Amino acid sequence: MLGLALLLWPAARPALAAGWLAALLFWLGIALGALALLAIHALTGGRWGTALRPVLAPAAGSLPLFLPLALPLLLSLGVLYPWVAEPELAGHPDVARLYLNAAGFILRTGLALLLWSALAGCCSGWSRARRGRALPRSASSCTAWR
């Protein structure tokens, strides 16, 4: 619906895009915070994580939903970040051409959301396994989580 509004109402496009970005970052922060707490509980254990798990697991599990929710931002990259269209507007045009471009933004955003989604699935499974006091095989081979 927002994508349709961005296309049909060009005069409001900057405000809609900025509002969408702010809302997306707000809700993404909640999901990533829940993921961080699940990861901490997977490392440390304890009863505090068991009590919070009914709230944290669905919040972290919502991370895959942010992939389609990020699509309206792709429609308005030039509006939100003027150096995407004109790299000379950035302080360092070479950096803007190589790093602050549309393809790089799409790649970094998609990769981060995919990795966070996978980590949320792993932490959710590890947190469940900690209740039984044994880590699953996938977690026991990963030394970073011990």
Protein backbone atom coordinates (compact mmCIF):
# COMPACT_ATOMS: atom_id res chain seq x y z
CA MET A 1 0.00 0.00 0.00
CA LEU A 2 2.85 2.37 0.81
CA GLY A 3 4.56 1.49 -2.46
CA LEU A 4 1.37 2.47 -4.29
CA ALA A 5 1.22 5.74 -2.35
CA LEU A 6 4.87 6.45 -3.20
CA LEU A 7 4.16 5.96 -6.89
CA LEU A 8 0.82 7.79 -7.08
CA TRP A 9 1.56 10.77 -4.87
CA PRO A 10 4.99 12.09 -5.86
CA ALA A 11 4.62 15.34 -3.90
CA ALA A 12 4.42 13.44 -0.60
CA ARG A 13 7.13 10.96 -1.53
CA PRO A 14 9.92 12.44 0.66
CA ALA A 15 7.71 12.58 3.76
CA LEU A 16 6.30 9.09 3.18
CA ALA A 17 9.73 7.61 2.59
CA ALA A 18 11.22 9.26 5.68
CA GLY A 19 8.29 8.14 7.79
CA TRP A 20 8.57 4.59 6.49
CA LEU A 21 12.30 4.54 7.23
CA ALA A 22 11.77 5.80 10.80
CA ALA A 23 9.00 3.27 11.47
CA LEU A 24 10.97 0.42 9.94
CA LEU A 25 14.03 1.22 12.06
CA PHE A 26 11.90 1.48 15.21
CA TRP A 27 10.31 -1.95 14.76
CA LEU A 28 13.55 -3.48 13.52
CA GLY A 29 15.24 -2.25 16.70
CA ILE A 30 12.71 -4.13 18.82
CA ALA A 31 13.20 -7.34 16.83
CA LEU A 32 17.00 -7.05 16.96
CA GLY A 33 16.92 -6.31 20.68
CA ALA A 34 14.90 -9.47 21.23
CA LEU A 35 17.41 -11.37 19.10
CA ALA A 36 20.28 -10.02 21.21
CA LEU A 37 18.57 -11.10 24.42
CA LEU A 38 17.90 -14.58 22.99
CA ALA A 39 21.56 -14.84 22.01
CA ILE A 40 22.68 -13.77 25.47
CA HIS A 41 20.38 -16.34 27.03
CA ALA A 42 21.69 -19.02 24.67
CA LEU A 43 25.19 -18.20 25.93
CA THR A 44 24.51 -17.80 29.61
CA GLY A 45 21.35 -19.76 30.38
CA GLY A 46 19.33 -19.03 33.50
CA ARG A 47 15.72 -18.66 34.46
CA TRP A 48 15.41 -15.06 33.26
CA GLY A 49 15.48 -16.18 29.63
CA THR A 50 12.88 -18.84 30.22
CA ALA A 51 10.54 -16.24 31.64
CA LEU A 52 11.12 -13.82 28.74
CA ARG A 53 11.18 -16.38 25.92
CA PRO A 54 7.41 -16.23 25.17
CA VAL A 55 7.88 -12.54 24.33
CA LEU A 56 11.38 -12.59 22.82
CA ALA A 57 10.99 -15.53 20.43
CA PRO A 58 8.05 -14.08 18.44
CA ALA A 59 9.70 -10.65 18.34
CA ALA A 60 12.94 -12.12 16.98
CA GLY A 61 10.95 -14.43 14.74
CA SER A 62 9.45 -11.40 13.01
CA LEU A 63 12.80 -10.57 11.38
CA PRO A 64 11.99 -12.33 8.05
CA LEU A 65 8.97 -10.04 7.70
CA PHE A 66 11.31 -7.07 7.38
CA LEU A 67 12.51 -8.27 3.96
CA PRO A 68 9.27 -7.28 2.18
CA LEU A 69 8.82 -4.31 4.50
CA ALA A 70 12.14 -2.92 3.26
CA LEU A 71 10.98 -2.94 -0.38
CA PRO A 72 9.32 0.51 -0.26
CA LEU A 73 12.70 1.94 0.75
CA LEU A 74 14.15 0.58 -2.48
CA LEU A 75 11.57 2.58 -4.43
CA SER A 76 12.73 5.78 -2.78
CA LEU A 77 16.49 5.43 -2.34
CA GLY A 78 17.14 8.58 -4.36
CA VAL A 79 14.70 10.57 -2.23
CA LEU A 80 16.13 9.41 1.09
CA TYR A 81 19.79 9.45 0.11
CA PRO A 82 20.55 12.12 -2.53
CA TRP A 83 24.08 10.80 -3.17
CA VAL A 84 22.59 7.63 -4.70
CA ALA A 85 21.53 9.62 -7.77
CA GLU A 86 24.40 12.12 -7.67
CA PRO A 87 27.57 10.79 -5.99
CA GLU A 88 29.12 14.27 -6.17
CA LEU A 89 26.80 15.39 -3.35
CA ALA A 90 28.62 13.13 -0.89
CA GLY A 91 31.68 14.39 0.91
CA HIS A 92 33.80 11.81 -0.91
CA PRO A 93 32.34 11.04 -4.36
CA ASP A 94 34.60 8.00 -4.85
CA VAL A 95 33.23 6.38 -1.70
CA ALA A 96 29.70 7.21 -2.80
CA ARG A 97 30.26 5.59 -6.19
CA LEU A 98 31.80 2.44 -4.73
CA TYR A 99 29.90 1.97 -1.47
CA LEU A 100 26.93 4.33 -1.19
CA ASN A 101 25.19 3.15 -4.37
CA ALA A 102 21.81 1.51 -4.89
CA ALA A 103 23.17 -1.95 -5.68
CA GLY A 104 25.35 -1.92 -2.58
CA PHE A 105 22.48 -0.74 -0.39
CA ILE A 106 20.19 -3.49 -1.68
CA LEU A 107 22.88 -6.14 -1.22
CA ARG A 108 23.84 -5.03 2.30
CA THR A 109 20.23 -4.68 3.43
CA GLY A 110 19.16 -8.06 2.05
CA LEU A 111 22.22 -9.85 3.39
CA ALA A 112 21.86 -8.34 6.88
CA LEU A 113 18.16 -9.21 7.08
CA LEU A 114 18.78 -12.76 5.86
CA LEU A 115 21.61 -13.33 8.34
CA TRP A 116 19.63 -11.85 11.23
CA SER A 117 16.66 -14.05 10.30
CA ALA A 118 18.86 -17.16 10.27
CA LEU A 119 20.44 -16.19 13.58
CA ALA A 120 16.98 -15.69 15.10
CA GLY A 121 16.04 -19.22 14.07
CA CYS A 122 19.26 -20.60 15.54
CA CYS A 123 18.97 -18.69 18.82
CA SER A 124 15.36 -19.70 19.18
CA GLY A 125 16.30 -23.35 18.75
CA TRP A 126 19.33 -23.05 21.07
CA SER A 127 17.23 -21.34 23.69
CA ARG A 128 14.72 -24.20 23.57
CA ALA A 129 17.53 -26.71 23.82
CA ARG A 130 19.02 -24.96 26.87
CA ARG A 131 15.86 -25.78 28.79
CA GLY A 132 16.90 -29.41 28.53
CA ARG A 133 20.50 -28.39 29.49
CA ALA A 134 21.98 -29.77 26.27
CA LEU A 135 22.99 -27.81 23.21
CA PRO A 136 22.05 -29.22 19.81
CA ARG A 137 24.85 -30.59 17.61
CA SER A 138 24.85 -27.51 15.41
CA ALA A 139 25.53 -25.31 18.44
CA SER A 140 28.14 -27.56 19.98
CA SER A 141 30.31 -27.31 16.86
CA CYS A 142 30.27 -23.52 16.98
CA THR A 143 32.86 -22.40 19.50
CA ALA A 144 31.60 -18.81 19.47
CA TRP A 145 28.42 -19.91 21.25
CA ARG A 146 30.09 -21.86 24.07
